[in-house]
Amino acid sequence: MPDKICIICGEDCSRVARQKDAKGNYACQSCLDERERVRASRTGPSTSAEPSTPAPRQPSPPSSKPAPVDEDMSYDLLGDMPDPCGSCGAPLAEGVVVCMNCGYNAETGVKHNTEVQVAPLLSPAKRDSVEKDDDDDGEPRRVIVIHGGWAAGAVGVVMLVLFVLARSSGSDAMLGVYGLGVIGVSLLAAISSIVIPFQEDEAGWGIGLMLANGVAIARAFGLIGAGMGFGGLVAVGVTIYYAFAVSESRWLKGIVALNFLCMFSLFAFTGK
């Protein structure tokens, strides 16, 4: 008695092309092809009231060719086979109307264009923040509040207008106004470099930048000796590194870059 019997036609399929599922059932490849053809005809537009009945399959004559190697199928031969797409033939999940492979709509017969969206690359610090939705105590993680580059751009436009007015008028009053604007930008950069690391769940960076900027501000107001001037350089270096290598905040990148441009323009303007 043959040990490879097709579960569709009941014929011996030991010497013909066949498929084998995970349960050990066999089916002739021709039976499976006919079954898929009937299913495809049902999904497409019908020209008659009732689907045509396929002709009975004639048993395949014994072949002298060696039996093909059995390949396990990803679905059950006894169960429902996935309906193929009427356009590209890709299997469709149950209840799915639009093919995700080619965009063909089985109900309307219209093929829509599909587009693959690629997620932007994230830094290791940001990727860890996305993968861990909750803190260890179950509380939701804080999100970045200020990360718009447009805001830094708006501040830059204001500073550019002040610079042009001070340069064209040549008055000490306008130069003083521009100098106050530069001080304001520097304070924004210092505060942002302290606050944003905590918003990005980088408490270590936030504490370090708080100390570094504290030393720099104290040195600027003469509260500490000139020997601590090295602390200001450290603050500048750490702020630049965090803003452009660690942080994902566009605001921080923009305001830090604008701060250095304003400081350079002020020194060049005054000749000091």
Protein backbone atom coordinates (compact mmCIF):
# COMPACT_ATOMS: atom_id res chain seq x y z
CA MET A 1 0.00 0.00 0.00
CA PRO A 2 1.47 3.39 -0.96
CA ASP A 3 2.50 5.51 2.01
CA LYS A 4 2.07 8.90 0.28
CA ILE A 5 -1.64 9.37 -0.47
CA CYS A 6 -2.96 12.76 -1.59
CA ILE A 7 -5.54 14.00 0.91
CA ILE A 8 -7.37 15.86 -1.89
CA CYS A 9 -7.75 13.25 -4.65
CA GLY A 10 -6.85 10.11 -2.72
CA GLU A 11 -4.30 8.97 -5.30
CA ASP A 12 -0.74 7.80 -4.77
CA CYS A 13 1.56 10.82 -5.07
CA SER A 14 4.84 9.16 -4.20
CA ARG A 15 6.24 9.68 -7.73
CA VAL A 16 4.79 13.06 -8.59
CA ALA A 17 5.40 16.58 -7.37
CA ARG A 18 3.79 16.97 -3.99
CA GLN A 19 3.73 18.96 -0.76
CA LYS A 20 3.85 17.81 2.84
CA ASP A 21 2.55 19.76 5.82
CA ALA A 22 3.75 19.76 9.42
CA LYS A 23 1.24 17.01 10.33
CA GLY A 24 2.65 14.57 7.77
CA ASN A 25 -0.20 14.91 5.23
CA TYR A 26 0.60 14.81 1.51
CA ALA A 27 -1.04 16.55 -1.43
CA CYS A 28 -0.26 16.47 -5.14
CA GLN A 29 1.16 19.70 -6.44
CA SER A 30 -1.36 19.67 -9.28
CA CYS A 31 -4.22 19.39 -6.76
CA LEU A 32 -2.86 22.35 -4.82
CA ASP A 33 -2.43 24.39 -8.00
CA GLU A 34 -6.01 23.64 -9.03
CA ARG A 35 -7.24 24.58 -5.58
CA GLU A 36 -5.39 27.89 -5.69
CA ARG A 37 -6.73 28.58 -9.20
CA VAL A 38 -10.30 28.11 -8.02
CA ARG A 39 -9.73 30.38 -5.03
CA ALA A 40 -8.15 33.04 -7.25
CA SER A 41 -11.10 32.93 -9.63
CA ARG A 42 -13.44 33.52 -6.70
CA THR A 43 -11.54 36.64 -5.55
CA GLY A 44 -11.54 38.22 -9.02
CA PRO A 45 -14.52 39.63 -10.93
CA SER A 46 -16.99 36.89 -11.77
CA THR A 47 -18.53 36.64 -15.28
CA SER A 48 -21.19 34.12 -14.33
CA ALA A 49 -23.69 33.74 -11.51
CA GLU A 50 -21.99 30.64 -10.13
CA PRO A 51 -18.31 29.72 -10.12
CA SER A 52 -17.32 27.10 -12.62
CA THR A 53 -16.70 23.63 -11.24
CA PRO A 54 -13.24 22.29 -12.07
CA ALA A 55 -13.11 19.14 -14.10
CA PRO A 56 -12.32 15.93 -12.20
CA ARG A 57 -8.62 15.34 -12.03
CA GLN A 58 -7.33 12.29 -13.81
CA PRO A 59 -4.91 10.14 -11.82
CA SER A 60 -1.32 10.76 -12.85
CA PRO A 61 0.37 7.74 -14.42
CA PRO A 62 3.30 6.26 -12.53
CA SER A 63 6.57 7.96 -13.40
CA SER A 64 10.02 6.47 -13.62
CA LYS A 65 11.57 9.63 -12.25
CA PRO A 66 12.85 9.55 -8.66
CA ALA A 67 10.41 10.79 -6.05
CA PRO A 68 10.83 14.49 -5.22
CA VAL A 69 12.12 15.62 -1.87
CA ASP A 70 9.26 16.45 0.50
CA GLU A 71 9.13 20.04 1.70
CA ASP A 72 7.13 20.94 4.79
CA MET A 73 4.52 23.63 4.15
CA SER A 74 3.91 26.58 6.42
CA TYR A 75 0.15 25.88 6.59
CA ASP A 76 -2.08 22.86 7.21
CA LEU A 77 -3.16 20.99 4.06
CA LEU A 78 -6.41 20.00 5.75
CA GLY A 79 -7.14 23.60 6.81
CA ASP A 80 -8.01 26.65 4.76
CA MET A 81 -5.29 27.79 2.41
CA PRO A 82 -4.60 31.55 2.31
CA ASP A 83 -6.34 33.35 -0.53
CA PRO A 84 -3.86 34.64 -3.13
CA CYS A 85 -3.76 38.23 -4.32
CA GLY A 86 -5.54 38.66 -7.64
CA SER A 87 -2.65 40.75 -8.97
CA CYS A 88 0.67 39.39 -7.68
CA GLY A 89 -0.43 36.06 -6.16
CA ALA A 90 0.94 36.80 -2.69
CA PRO A 91 -1.03 35.09 0.13
CA LEU A 92 -3.60 37.28 1.85
CA ALA A 93 -4.53 36.92 5.50
CA GLU A 94 -8.15 36.26 6.36
CA GLY A 95 -10.29 39.36 6.04
CA VAL A 96 -7.59 41.38 4.26
CA VAL A 97 -8.79 43.25 1.17
CA VAL A 98 -5.69 45.23 0.13
CA CYS A 99 -2.50 43.33 -0.70
CA MET A 100 0.44 44.68 1.30
CA ASN A 101 2.86 43.44 -1.38
CA CYS A 102 1.51 45.24 -4.46
CA GLY A 103 -1.37 47.40 -3.18
CA TYR A 104 -4.11 45.60 -5.16
CA ASN A 105 -7.65 46.05 -3.75
CA ALA A 106 -9.69 42.88 -4.26
CA GLU A 107 -13.02 44.68 -3.83
CA THR A 108 -12.48 47.57 -6.25
CA GLY A 109 -9.97 45.92 -8.57
CA VAL A 110 -7.73 49.00 -8.32
CA LYS A 111 -4.01 48.75 -7.62
CA HIS A 112 -2.73 51.44 -5.26
CA ASN A 113 0.85 52.56 -4.92
CA THR A 114 2.52 51.47 -1.69
CA GLU A 115 5.37 53.27 0.08
CA VAL A 116 7.74 51.91 2.72
CA GLN A 117 8.50 54.33 5.54
CA VAL A 118 11.95 54.02 7.10
CA ALA A 119 12.27 54.98 10.73
CA PRO A 120 15.04 57.50 11.49
CA LEU A 121 18.19 56.28 13.17
CA LEU A 122 18.41 57.03 16.88
CA SER A 123 21.41 57.54 19.09
CA PRO A 124 22.10 54.82 21.71
CA ALA A 125 20.81 57.08 24.49
CA LYS A 126 17.58 57.86 22.66
CA ARG A 127 17.12 54.23 21.53
CA ASP A 128 17.36 53.03 25.12
CA SER A 129 14.78 55.64 26.11
CA VAL A 130 12.38 54.39 23.42
CA GLU A 131 12.85 50.71 24.28
CA LYS A 132 12.18 51.32 27.99
CA ASP A 133 8.71 52.83 28.15
CA ASP A 134 8.55 52.79 31.95
CA ASP A 135 11.01 53.40 34.75
CA ASP A 136 11.87 50.66 37.22
CA ASP A 137 9.12 51.87 39.55
CA GLY A 138 6.49 51.65 36.82
CA GLU A 139 6.11 55.41 36.37
CA PRO A 140 5.99 56.69 32.76
CA ARG A 141 9.28 58.05 31.47
CA ARG A 142 9.55 61.77 30.87
CA VAL A 143 9.64 62.99 27.29
CA ILE A 144 11.53 65.82 25.64
CA VAL A 145 9.49 69.01 25.81
CA ILE A 146 11.70 71.49 23.94
CA HIS A 147 13.24 69.94 20.84
CA GLY A 148 12.13 72.23 17.98
CA GLY A 149 14.86 73.64 15.80
CA TRP A 150 12.40 76.28 14.55
CA ALA A 151 12.43 77.98 17.97
CA ALA A 152 16.20 78.37 17.90
CA GLY A 153 15.89 79.65 14.34
CA ALA A 154 13.41 82.32 15.47
CA VAL A 155 15.81 83.48 18.17
CA GLY A 156 18.57 83.57 15.55
CA VAL A 157 16.47 85.81 13.28
CA VAL A 158 15.89 88.26 16.15
CA MET A 159 19.62 88.36 16.95
CA LEU A 160 20.46 88.90 13.27
CA VAL A 161 18.13 91.91 13.14
CA LEU A 162 19.70 93.37 16.29
CA PHE A 163 23.19 92.82 14.88
CA VAL A 164 22.34 94.56 11.59
CA LEU A 165 20.79 97.51 13.43
CA ALA A 166 23.76 97.85 15.76
CA ARG A 167 26.22 97.56 12.89
CA SER A 168 24.47 100.05 10.63
CA SER A 169 23.73 102.69 13.28
CA GLY A 170 27.10 102.53 15.01
CA SER A 171 25.55 103.85 18.22
CA ASP A 172 26.61 102.61 21.61
CA ALA A 173 22.95 102.25 22.59
CA MET A 174 22.22 99.68 19.86
CA LEU A 175 25.49 97.93 20.64
CA GLY A 176 24.36 97.67 24.25
CA VAL A 177 21.00 96.23 23.17
CA TYR A 178 22.79 93.65 21.03
CA GLY A 179 25.09 92.83 23.95
CA LEU A 180 22.07 92.23 26.19
CA GLY A 181 20.66 89.94 23.51
CA VAL A 182 23.90 87.96 23.44
CA ILE A 183 23.77 87.60 27.23
CA GLY A 184 20.18 86.37 26.93
CA VAL A 185 21.15 83.77 24.34
CA SER A 186 24.03 82.60 26.54
CA LEU A 187 21.67 82.18 29.51
CA LEU A 188 19.19 80.27 27.34
CA ALA A 189 21.98 77.95 26.18
CA ALA A 190 23.22 77.40 29.75
CA ILE A 191 19.74 76.73 31.16
CA SER A 192 18.78 74.46 28.26
CA SER A 193 22.00 72.45 28.61
CA ILE A 194 21.03 71.76 32.24
CA VAL A 195 17.27 71.17 31.88
CA ILE A 196 17.14 69.10 28.68
CA PRO A 197 19.45 66.28 29.92
CA PHE A 198 16.98 65.66 32.77
CA GLN A 199 14.10 65.67 30.27
CA GLU A 200 15.99 63.10 28.22
CA ASP A 201 16.52 60.91 31.32
CA GLU A 202 20.25 61.69 31.32
CA ALA A 203 20.54 62.77 34.97
CA GLY A 204 24.30 62.22 35.05
CA TRP A 205 24.84 64.60 32.15
CA GLY A 206 22.43 67.09 33.74
CA ILE A 207 24.35 67.17 37.02
CA GLY A 208 27.71 67.44 35.26
CA LEU A 209 26.54 70.29 33.02
CA MET A 210 24.99 72.04 36.01
CA LEU A 211 28.34 72.06 37.81
CA ALA A 212 30.32 73.03 34.70
CA ASN A 213 27.99 75.90 33.78
CA GLY A 214 27.92 77.05 37.39
CA VAL A 215 31.70 77.43 37.35
CA ALA A 216 31.58 79.25 34.00
CA ILE A 217 28.88 81.70 35.15
CA ALA A 218 30.68 82.36 38.45
CA ARG A 219 33.90 83.07 36.55
CA ALA A 220 32.07 85.41 34.14
CA PHE A 221 30.71 87.50 37.04
CA GLY A 222 34.07 87.52 38.83
CA LEU A 223 32.87 85.40 41.74
CA ILE A 224 35.86 83.09 41.45
CA GLY A 225 39.49 83.66 40.55
CA ALA A 226 41.05 83.56 37.13
CA GLY A 227 42.60 80.22 37.99
CA MET A 228 39.18 78.65 37.55
CA GLY A 229 38.99 79.81 33.97
CA PHE A 230 39.79 76.27 32.89
CA GLY A 231 36.37 75.32 34.25
CA GLY A 232 34.75 77.55 31.65
CA LEU A 233 36.58 75.74 28.86
CA VAL A 234 35.45 72.41 30.30
CA ALA A 235 31.86 73.67 30.39
CA VAL A 236 32.07 74.72 26.75
CA GLY A 237 33.51 71.38 25.64
CA VAL A 238 31.04 69.28 27.63
CA THR A 239 28.08 71.34 26.40
CA ILE A 240 29.12 71.01 22.76
CA TYR A 241 29.66 67.26 23.10
CA TYR A 242 26.31 66.62 24.75
CA ALA A 243 24.36 68.88 22.39
CA PHE A 244 25.72 67.40 19.17
CA ALA A 245 26.74 63.84 20.11
CA VAL A 246 24.25 62.70 22.75
CA SER A 247 21.11 64.82 22.77
CA GLU A 248 18.27 64.49 20.24
CA SER A 249 16.97 68.00 21.02
CA ARG A 250 17.07 70.24 17.96
CA TRP A 251 16.47 73.23 20.21
CA LEU A 252 19.61 72.52 22.23
CA LYS A 253 21.73 72.04 19.10
CA GLY A 254 20.41 75.29 17.62
CA ILE A 255 20.70 77.47 20.72
CA VAL A 256 24.24 76.24 21.51
CA ALA A 257 25.40 76.94 17.95
CA LEU A 258 23.68 80.35 18.00
CA ASN A 259 25.35 81.20 21.31
CA PHE A 260 28.84 80.73 19.90
CA LEU A 261 27.98 82.69 16.75
CA CYS A 262 26.65 85.59 18.82
CA MET A 263 29.69 85.60 21.12
CA PHE A 264 32.05 85.58 18.14
CA SER A 265 30.14 88.38 16.39
CA LEU A 266 30.14 90.52 19.56
CA PHE A 267 33.89 90.14 20.05
CA ALA A 268 34.52 90.88 16.36
CA PHE A 269 32.20 93.91 16.50
CA THR A 270 33.77 95.51 19.56
CA GLY A 271 37.31 94.49 18.66
CA LYS A 272 37.86 93.05 22.12
